[in-house]
Amino acid sequence: MNERLQALAAQAKLNGVEFDTIKYYVGTEETFLAFAKLIIRECADIASINAHQYETPGSYVLKHFGVEE
């Protein structure tokens, strides 16, 4: 998970648990819903800010979160 998603997970109060070399996030339904809402808000902000630039908003969202096409 990239740094921005880790920051949003922490803001949503998800707990990171290491198992071998993989980090899992543990939380309640409420904390996972909070995490999803934070991601959606950030995506909406990115799309609004970049609506009139050369890149499409969708490609900028992917780049912002470190998800390459």
N, C-alpha and C. Protein backbone atom coordinates (compact mmCIF):
# COMPACT_ATOMS: atom_id res chain seq x y z
N MET A 1 0.86 -1.17 0.00
CA MET A 1 0.00 0.00 0.00
C MET A 1 0.91 1.23 0.00
N ASN A 2 0.60 2.20 -0.86
CA ASN A 2 1.48 3.36 -0.92
C ASN A 2 1.28 4.28 0.30
N GLU A 3 2.15 5.27 0.41
CA GLU A 3 2.15 6.13 1.60
C GLU A 3 0.83 6.87 1.80
N ARG A 4 0.21 7.34 0.72
CA ARG A 4 -1.04 8.09 0.86
C ARG A 4 -2.15 7.19 1.39
N LEU A 5 -2.25 5.97 0.87
CA LEU A 5 -3.26 5.04 1.37
C LEU A 5 -2.99 4.65 2.82
N GLN A 6 -1.71 4.50 3.18
CA GLN A 6 -1.38 4.21 4.58
C GLN A 6 -1.81 5.35 5.49
N ALA A 7 -1.63 6.59 5.03
CA ALA A 7 -2.05 7.75 5.82
C ALA A 7 -3.57 7.77 5.98
N LEU A 8 -4.31 7.45 4.91
CA LEU A 8 -5.77 7.41 5.00
C LEU A 8 -6.22 6.27 5.92
N ALA A 9 -5.54 5.13 5.86
CA ALA A 9 -5.88 4.00 6.75
C ALA A 9 -5.68 4.41 8.20
N ALA A 10 -4.59 5.12 8.48
CA ALA A 10 -4.34 5.58 9.85
C ALA A 10 -5.40 6.58 10.29
N GLN A 11 -5.78 7.47 9.37
CA GLN A 11 -6.81 8.47 9.69
C GLN A 11 -8.15 7.79 9.99
N ALA A 12 -8.43 6.67 9.30
CA ALA A 12 -9.67 5.92 9.53
C ALA A 12 -9.57 5.01 10.76
N LYS A 13 -8.39 5.00 11.40
CA LYS A 13 -8.13 4.21 12.60
C LYS A 13 -8.11 2.70 12.33
N LEU A 14 -7.63 2.32 11.14
CA LEU A 14 -7.39 0.90 10.87
C LEU A 14 -6.05 0.53 11.49
N ASN A 15 -5.94 -0.67 12.01
CA ASN A 15 -4.71 -1.13 12.64
C ASN A 15 -3.94 -2.01 11.68
N GLY A 16 -2.66 -1.68 11.46
CA GLY A 16 -1.81 -2.49 10.60
C GLY A 16 -1.21 -3.64 11.39
N VAL A 17 -1.29 -4.84 10.86
CA VAL A 17 -0.75 -6.03 11.50
C VAL A 17 0.19 -6.71 10.51
N GLU A 18 1.44 -6.96 10.92
CA GLU A 18 2.41 -7.63 10.05
C GLU A 18 2.31 -9.13 10.23
N PHE A 19 2.27 -9.85 9.13
CA PHE A 19 2.30 -11.31 9.15
C PHE A 19 3.26 -11.73 8.06
N ASP A 20 4.38 -12.35 8.46
CA ASP A 20 5.49 -12.63 7.55
C ASP A 20 5.94 -11.29 6.95
N THR A 21 5.87 -11.14 5.65
CA THR A 21 6.29 -9.88 5.03
C THR A 21 5.11 -9.07 4.52
N ILE A 22 3.90 -9.48 4.87
CA ILE A 22 2.70 -8.81 4.38
C ILE A 22 2.05 -8.04 5.53
N LYS A 23 1.59 -6.83 5.24
CA LYS A 23 0.89 -6.03 6.25
C LYS A 23 -0.60 -6.10 5.96
N TYR A 24 -1.35 -6.50 6.97
CA TYR A 24 -2.81 -6.58 6.87
C TYR A 24 -3.40 -5.45 7.71
N TYR A 25 -4.59 -5.02 7.33
CA TYR A 25 -5.27 -3.99 8.11
C TYR A 25 -6.50 -4.60 8.75
N VAL A 26 -6.63 -4.34 10.04
CA VAL A 26 -7.70 -4.91 10.84
C VAL A 26 -8.54 -3.75 11.38
N GLY A 27 -9.85 -3.92 11.31
CA GLY A 27 -10.73 -2.89 11.83
C GLY A 27 -12.15 -3.37 11.86
N THR A 28 -13.00 -2.49 12.28
CA THR A 28 -14.43 -2.79 12.34
C THR A 28 -15.07 -2.37 11.02
N GLU A 29 -16.32 -2.71 10.85
CA GLU A 29 -17.04 -2.27 9.66
C GLU A 29 -17.04 -0.74 9.59
N GLU A 30 -17.16 -0.11 10.73
CA GLU A 30 -17.18 1.35 10.79
C GLU A 30 -15.85 1.94 10.31
N THR A 31 -14.72 1.35 10.73
CA THR A 31 -13.43 1.90 10.31
C THR A 31 -13.18 1.67 8.82
N PHE A 32 -13.63 0.52 8.27
CA PHE A 32 -13.45 0.28 6.85
C PHE A 32 -14.35 1.20 6.03
N LEU A 33 -15.55 1.50 6.51
CA LEU A 33 -16.41 2.46 5.82
C LEU A 33 -15.79 3.85 5.85
N ALA A 34 -15.19 4.22 6.96
CA ALA A 34 -14.51 5.51 7.07
C ALA A 34 -13.35 5.58 6.07
N PHE A 35 -12.59 4.49 5.95
CA PHE A 35 -11.48 4.41 5.00
C PHE A 35 -11.99 4.59 3.57
N ALA A 36 -13.06 3.89 3.22
CA ALA A 36 -13.64 4.00 1.88
C ALA A 36 -14.10 5.43 1.60
N LYS A 37 -14.75 6.06 2.56
CA LYS A 37 -15.22 7.43 2.37
C LYS A 37 -14.06 8.40 2.17
N LEU A 38 -12.97 8.19 2.91
CA LEU A 38 -11.79 9.05 2.75
C LEU A 38 -11.21 8.91 1.34
N ILE A 39 -11.14 7.68 0.84
CA ILE A 39 -10.62 7.46 -0.51
C ILE A 39 -11.54 8.12 -1.54
N ILE A 40 -12.84 7.95 -1.39
CA ILE A 40 -13.80 8.54 -2.33
C ILE A 40 -13.71 10.06 -2.32
N ARG A 41 -13.61 10.65 -1.14
CA ARG A 41 -13.49 12.12 -1.05
C ARG A 41 -12.22 12.61 -1.74
N GLU A 42 -11.11 11.89 -1.51
CA GLU A 42 -9.86 12.30 -2.12
C GLU A 42 -9.94 12.17 -3.65
N CYS A 43 -10.55 11.11 -4.14
CA CYS A 43 -10.73 10.94 -5.59
C CYS A 43 -11.58 12.06 -6.17
N ALA A 44 -12.65 12.42 -5.50
CA ALA A 44 -13.52 13.51 -5.96
C ALA A 44 -12.75 14.83 -5.99
N ASP A 45 -11.95 15.08 -4.97
CA ASP A 45 -11.14 16.31 -4.93
C ASP A 45 -10.15 16.34 -6.09
N ILE A 46 -9.49 15.22 -6.33
CA ILE A 46 -8.51 15.14 -7.41
C ILE A 46 -9.19 15.37 -8.76
N ALA A 47 -10.33 14.74 -8.97
CA ALA A 47 -11.05 14.89 -10.23
C ALA A 47 -11.50 16.33 -10.43
N SER A 48 -11.95 16.99 -9.38
CA SER A 48 -12.40 18.38 -9.49
C SER A 48 -11.24 19.32 -9.80
N ILE A 49 -10.13 19.13 -9.11
CA ILE A 49 -8.98 20.01 -9.28
C ILE A 49 -8.39 19.87 -10.68
N ASN A 50 -8.38 18.66 -11.21
CA ASN A 50 -7.72 18.38 -12.49
C ASN A 50 -8.67 18.27 -13.66
N ALA A 51 -9.88 18.71 -13.51
CA ALA A 51 -10.89 18.54 -14.56
C ALA A 51 -10.52 19.23 -15.87
N HIS A 52 -9.76 20.31 -15.82
CA HIS A 52 -9.47 21.08 -17.02
C HIS A 52 -8.00 21.02 -17.42
N GLN A 53 -7.28 20.00 -16.97
CA GLN A 53 -5.89 19.84 -17.36
C GLN A 53 -5.78 18.84 -18.49
N TYR A 54 -4.58 18.63 -18.96
CA TYR A 54 -4.37 17.76 -20.11
C TYR A 54 -4.66 16.31 -19.82
N GLU A 55 -4.32 15.82 -18.64
CA GLU A 55 -4.60 14.43 -18.31
C GLU A 55 -6.08 14.26 -17.95
N THR A 56 -6.57 13.06 -18.11
CA THR A 56 -7.94 12.80 -17.67
C THR A 56 -7.94 12.70 -16.15
N PRO A 57 -9.03 13.05 -15.50
CA PRO A 57 -9.09 12.92 -14.04
C PRO A 57 -8.82 11.49 -13.58
N GLY A 58 -9.31 10.51 -14.31
CA GLY A 58 -9.11 9.12 -13.91
C GLY A 58 -7.65 8.72 -13.92
N SER A 59 -6.91 9.12 -14.94
CA SER A 59 -5.49 8.76 -14.99
C SER A 59 -4.72 9.47 -13.89
N TYR A 60 -5.15 10.69 -13.54
CA TYR A 60 -4.47 11.40 -12.46
C TYR A 60 -4.75 10.74 -11.11
N VAL A 61 -5.96 10.24 -10.89
CA VAL A 61 -6.29 9.52 -9.66
C VAL A 61 -5.40 8.29 -9.53
N LEU A 62 -5.27 7.53 -10.62
CA LEU A 62 -4.41 6.34 -10.59
C LEU A 62 -2.97 6.72 -10.25
N LYS A 63 -2.46 7.78 -10.84
CA LYS A 63 -1.09 8.23 -10.57
C LYS A 63 -0.96 8.68 -9.11
N HIS A 64 -1.95 9.40 -8.62
CA HIS A 64 -1.93 9.93 -7.24
C HIS A 64 -1.80 8.80 -6.21
N PHE A 65 -2.51 7.70 -6.44
CA PHE A 65 -2.47 6.59 -5.51
C PHE A 65 -1.42 5.54 -5.85
N GLY A 66 -0.63 5.79 -6.90
CA GLY A 66 0.44 4.87 -7.25
C GLY A 66 -0.03 3.59 -7.93
N VAL A 67 -1.18 3.67 -8.59
CA VAL A 67 -1.71 2.52 -9.32
C VAL A 67 -1.52 2.79 -10.80
N GLU A 68 -0.59 2.10 -11.40
CA GLU A 68 -0.31 2.33 -12.83
C GLU A 68 -1.29 1.56 -13.68
N GLU A 69 -1.62 2.11 -14.81
CA GLU A 69 -2.56 1.45 -15.73
C GLU A 69 -1.92 0.26 -16.39
